[in-house]
Amino acid sequence: MAFPTTPTASSIKIIGLSPTLTSVTHSLKRQARSRGSQRWSIELGYPAMTRSQFAPLWAFVNAQQGQYSTFTFIPPIYGDTSGIATGTLLVNNVSNYAAGDSSITCDGLTDQLKAGDFIKFTGHDKVYTVTADGSTTIEIEPPLMSAVADNEVVIYNDVPFTMALVDDKQELSMGIDQLVGYSVKLVEVV
């Protein structure tokens, strides 16, 4: 199931969540450890809408049963590459890539992906960020959360994030002008 594209959000905030454990010693030395995980959070804000404009969105979020269900969301503007890459991008490694790898050799791309682009491997829920421009070697963050196989397709346009609602409670506000105000928070599910 896909998140509704209408009504259109007036603002979007994409947040990368990378939990880190940090401490500072008495001598002021900082120690930090990554918890080895990363996920995305997306916040959407909507302009004031009439009840009929708002109805499809309200029906969708209530059908999710709070945090229970998952759905796909393609962020406007950021769902596509910022470059002019074309072609079918395929993983190129007959021995596959293991969880933890962050440099992926690929083929089938004309031009290149740009640093900051999102990608996703078919059959996986996790979305990754490209950390350096590339066409045959793609550097990603976070490192792979699970193995990817040779010739697995890499999605770089219309990248679908697998999401859930952050909260079990959804609320709308209505002004004296009878226009509905609404915002929603989503979190990546992997």
Protein backbone atom coordinates (compact mmCIF):
# COMPACT_ATOMS: atom_id res chain seq x y z
CA MET A 1 0.00 0.00 0.00
CA ALA A 2 1.34 3.45 -0.89
CA PHE A 3 0.97 6.68 1.04
CA PRO A 4 -1.45 9.03 -0.78
CA THR A 5 0.11 11.60 -3.11
CA THR A 6 -2.88 13.94 -2.75
CA PRO A 7 -3.31 16.16 -0.94
CA THR A 8 0.26 17.34 -1.39
CA ALA A 9 2.40 18.14 1.64
CA SER A 10 3.60 21.74 1.86
CA SER A 11 6.70 20.77 3.86
CA ILE A 12 8.80 17.65 4.28
CA LYS A 13 11.57 16.96 6.76
CA ILE A 14 13.79 13.89 6.26
CA ILE A 15 15.73 12.90 9.37
CA GLY A 16 18.51 10.31 9.55
CA LEU A 17 18.51 8.55 12.93
CA SER A 18 21.88 6.98 13.86
CA PRO A 19 21.94 6.06 17.56
CA THR A 20 25.33 6.55 19.19
CA LEU A 21 26.44 5.90 22.75
CA THR A 22 28.76 8.66 23.99
CA SER A 23 30.42 9.48 27.27
CA VAL A 24 32.98 11.99 28.48
CA THR A 25 35.62 10.98 31.01
CA HIS A 26 36.78 13.15 33.91
CA SER A 27 39.80 14.12 31.80
CA LEU A 28 37.32 15.31 29.12
CA LYS A 29 38.12 12.56 26.64
CA ARG A 30 35.12 11.67 24.56
CA GLN A 31 34.28 8.05 23.85
CA ALA A 32 31.69 7.14 21.22
CA ARG A 33 30.27 3.86 19.94
CA SER A 34 27.84 3.40 17.12
CA ARG A 35 24.92 1.11 17.83
CA GLY A 36 25.33 -0.09 14.25
CA SER A 37 21.90 0.89 13.04
CA GLN A 38 20.34 3.72 11.08
CA ARG A 39 16.84 4.53 9.91
CA TRP A 40 14.88 7.38 8.41
CA SER A 41 12.15 9.50 9.90
CA ILE A 42 9.98 11.74 7.71
CA GLU A 43 7.74 14.55 8.90
CA LEU A 44 5.07 15.94 6.57
CA GLY A 45 3.20 19.20 7.04
CA TYR A 46 0.09 20.05 5.05
CA PRO A 47 -1.45 23.41 4.17
CA ALA A 48 -4.91 24.27 5.44
CA MET A 49 -7.41 22.07 3.56
CA THR A 50 -11.12 21.69 3.23
CA ARG A 51 -12.70 18.61 4.73
CA SER A 52 -13.12 17.00 1.28
CA GLN A 53 -9.48 17.69 0.35
CA PHE A 54 -8.32 16.17 3.63
CA ALA A 55 -10.61 13.10 3.58
CA PRO A 56 -8.36 10.71 1.51
CA LEU A 57 -5.36 11.39 3.78
CA TRP A 58 -7.43 10.99 6.96
CA ALA A 59 -8.90 7.72 5.70
CA PHE A 60 -5.43 6.39 4.85
CA VAL A 61 -3.79 7.17 8.20
CA ASN A 62 -6.71 5.73 10.14
CA ALA A 63 -6.62 2.54 8.05
CA GLN A 64 -3.01 2.03 9.27
CA GLN A 65 -4.27 1.17 12.78
CA GLY A 66 -1.69 3.39 14.42
CA GLN A 67 1.84 1.99 14.22
CA TYR A 68 0.59 -1.46 13.19
CA SER A 69 0.66 -1.37 9.37
CA THR A 70 3.46 -0.50 6.96
CA PHE A 71 3.28 1.28 3.63
CA THR A 72 5.57 2.79 1.01
CA PHE A 73 6.32 6.48 0.72
CA ILE A 74 8.26 8.16 -2.11
CA PRO A 75 9.49 11.56 -0.97
CA PRO A 76 8.80 14.31 -3.50
CA ILE A 77 11.98 15.76 -5.04
CA TYR A 78 14.31 13.49 -3.02
CA GLY A 79 12.81 10.26 -4.38
CA ASP A 80 14.86 10.62 -7.59
CA THR A 81 18.56 10.99 -8.34
CA SER A 82 19.88 14.55 -8.42
CA GLY A 83 21.99 13.64 -11.46
CA ILE A 84 20.97 12.55 -14.94
CA ALA A 85 21.66 8.84 -14.53
CA THR A 86 19.73 6.42 -16.73
CA GLY A 87 19.72 2.67 -17.29
CA THR A 88 19.08 -0.39 -15.18
CA LEU A 89 21.60 -0.41 -12.35
CA LEU A 90 22.59 -3.95 -11.30
CA VAL A 91 24.84 -5.24 -8.52
CA ASN A 92 27.97 -6.73 -10.13
CA ASN A 93 29.63 -9.28 -7.86
CA VAL A 94 29.26 -13.04 -8.45
CA SER A 95 30.22 -13.72 -4.84
CA ASN A 96 27.54 -11.26 -3.60
CA TYR A 97 27.92 -8.60 -0.92
CA ALA A 98 27.55 -9.34 2.78
CA ALA A 99 25.90 -7.31 5.50
CA GLY A 100 28.37 -4.63 6.59
CA ASP A 101 29.75 -3.85 3.11
CA SER A 102 29.56 -0.19 2.08
CA SER A 103 31.19 -0.18 -1.36
CA ILE A 104 29.06 -1.84 -4.05
CA THR A 105 30.25 -2.49 -7.62
CA CYS A 106 27.49 -2.08 -10.18
CA ASP A 107 26.95 -1.99 -13.93
CA GLY A 108 24.30 -0.85 -16.38
CA LEU A 109 24.26 2.85 -15.50
CA THR A 110 24.73 5.72 -17.92
CA ASP A 111 26.18 8.80 -16.20
CA GLN A 112 26.38 8.62 -12.39
CA LEU A 113 24.53 8.81 -9.12
CA LYS A 114 25.29 11.83 -6.98
CA ALA A 115 26.34 12.04 -3.34
CA GLY A 116 23.18 12.46 -1.27
CA ASP A 117 20.97 10.36 -3.57
CA PHE A 118 18.85 7.62 -2.04
CA ILE A 119 19.00 4.03 -3.33
CA LYS A 120 17.30 0.77 -2.45
CA PHE A 121 17.97 -2.82 -3.47
CA THR A 122 15.03 -4.84 -4.79
CA GLY A 123 13.71 -7.30 -2.25
CA HIS A 124 15.02 -5.16 0.66
CA ASP A 125 13.22 -2.61 2.82
CA LYS A 126 16.24 -0.47 3.81
CA VAL A 127 17.00 2.80 1.99
CA TYR A 128 20.66 3.88 1.75
CA THR A 129 22.38 7.18 0.97
CA VAL A 130 25.04 7.44 -1.75
CA THR A 131 28.05 9.11 -0.11
CA ALA A 132 30.14 9.88 -3.22
CA ASP A 133 29.38 10.44 -6.91
CA GLY A 134 29.71 7.14 -8.78
CA SER A 135 28.48 4.92 -11.60
CA THR A 136 30.40 1.64 -11.32
CA THR A 137 31.28 1.76 -7.62
CA ILE A 138 28.58 3.04 -5.29
CA GLU A 139 29.61 4.09 -1.77
CA ILE A 140 26.70 3.90 0.66
CA GLU A 141 25.80 4.72 4.25
CA PRO A 142 24.82 2.97 6.38
CA PRO A 143 26.66 -0.23 5.45
CA LEU A 144 24.45 -3.01 4.08
CA MET A 145 22.03 -4.33 6.68
CA SER A 146 21.64 -7.61 4.78
CA ALA A 147 23.35 -9.35 1.88
CA VAL A 148 22.69 -8.35 -1.73
CA ALA A 149 23.06 -10.76 -4.64
CA ASP A 150 24.76 -10.43 -8.01
CA ASN A 151 22.47 -8.79 -10.61
CA GLU A 152 20.09 -7.48 -7.95
CA VAL A 153 18.45 -4.29 -9.26
CA VAL A 154 19.34 -1.03 -7.54
CA ILE A 155 16.44 1.43 -7.45
CA TYR A 156 17.59 5.05 -7.76
CA ASN A 157 14.44 6.81 -9.05
CA ASP A 158 11.08 6.75 -7.27
CA VAL A 159 12.84 5.17 -4.28
CA PRO A 160 10.10 3.73 -2.03
CA PHE A 161 10.71 4.04 1.70
CA THR A 162 8.96 1.32 3.78
CA MET A 163 7.36 3.30 6.59
CA ALA A 164 4.93 3.18 9.51
CA LEU A 165 3.26 5.90 11.51
CA VAL A 166 5.32 7.04 14.51
CA ASP A 167 2.32 7.30 16.80
CA ASP A 168 -0.86 5.34 17.49
CA LYS A 169 -2.74 8.61 17.89
CA GLN A 170 -3.59 10.82 14.90
CA GLU A 171 -5.26 14.16 15.33
CA LEU A 172 -6.44 16.95 13.08
CA SER A 173 -7.16 20.53 13.97
CA MET A 174 -9.89 22.68 12.51
CA GLY A 175 -9.83 26.45 12.59
CA ILE A 176 -12.72 28.83 12.83
CA ASP A 177 -12.47 29.12 9.04
CA GLN A 178 -13.38 25.39 8.93
CA LEU A 179 -10.07 24.47 7.27
CA VAL A 180 -8.23 21.40 8.51
CA GLY A 181 -4.61 21.56 9.63
CA TYR A 182 -2.58 18.35 9.73
CA SER A 183 0.95 17.00 10.12
CA VAL A 184 2.18 13.42 10.35
CA LYS A 185 5.40 11.66 11.31
CA LEU A 186 6.61 8.47 9.62
CA VAL A 187 9.47 6.15 10.53
CA GLU A 188 11.35 3.64 8.38
CA VAL A 189 10.62 -0.02 9.05
CA VAL A 190 13.28 -2.56 8.08
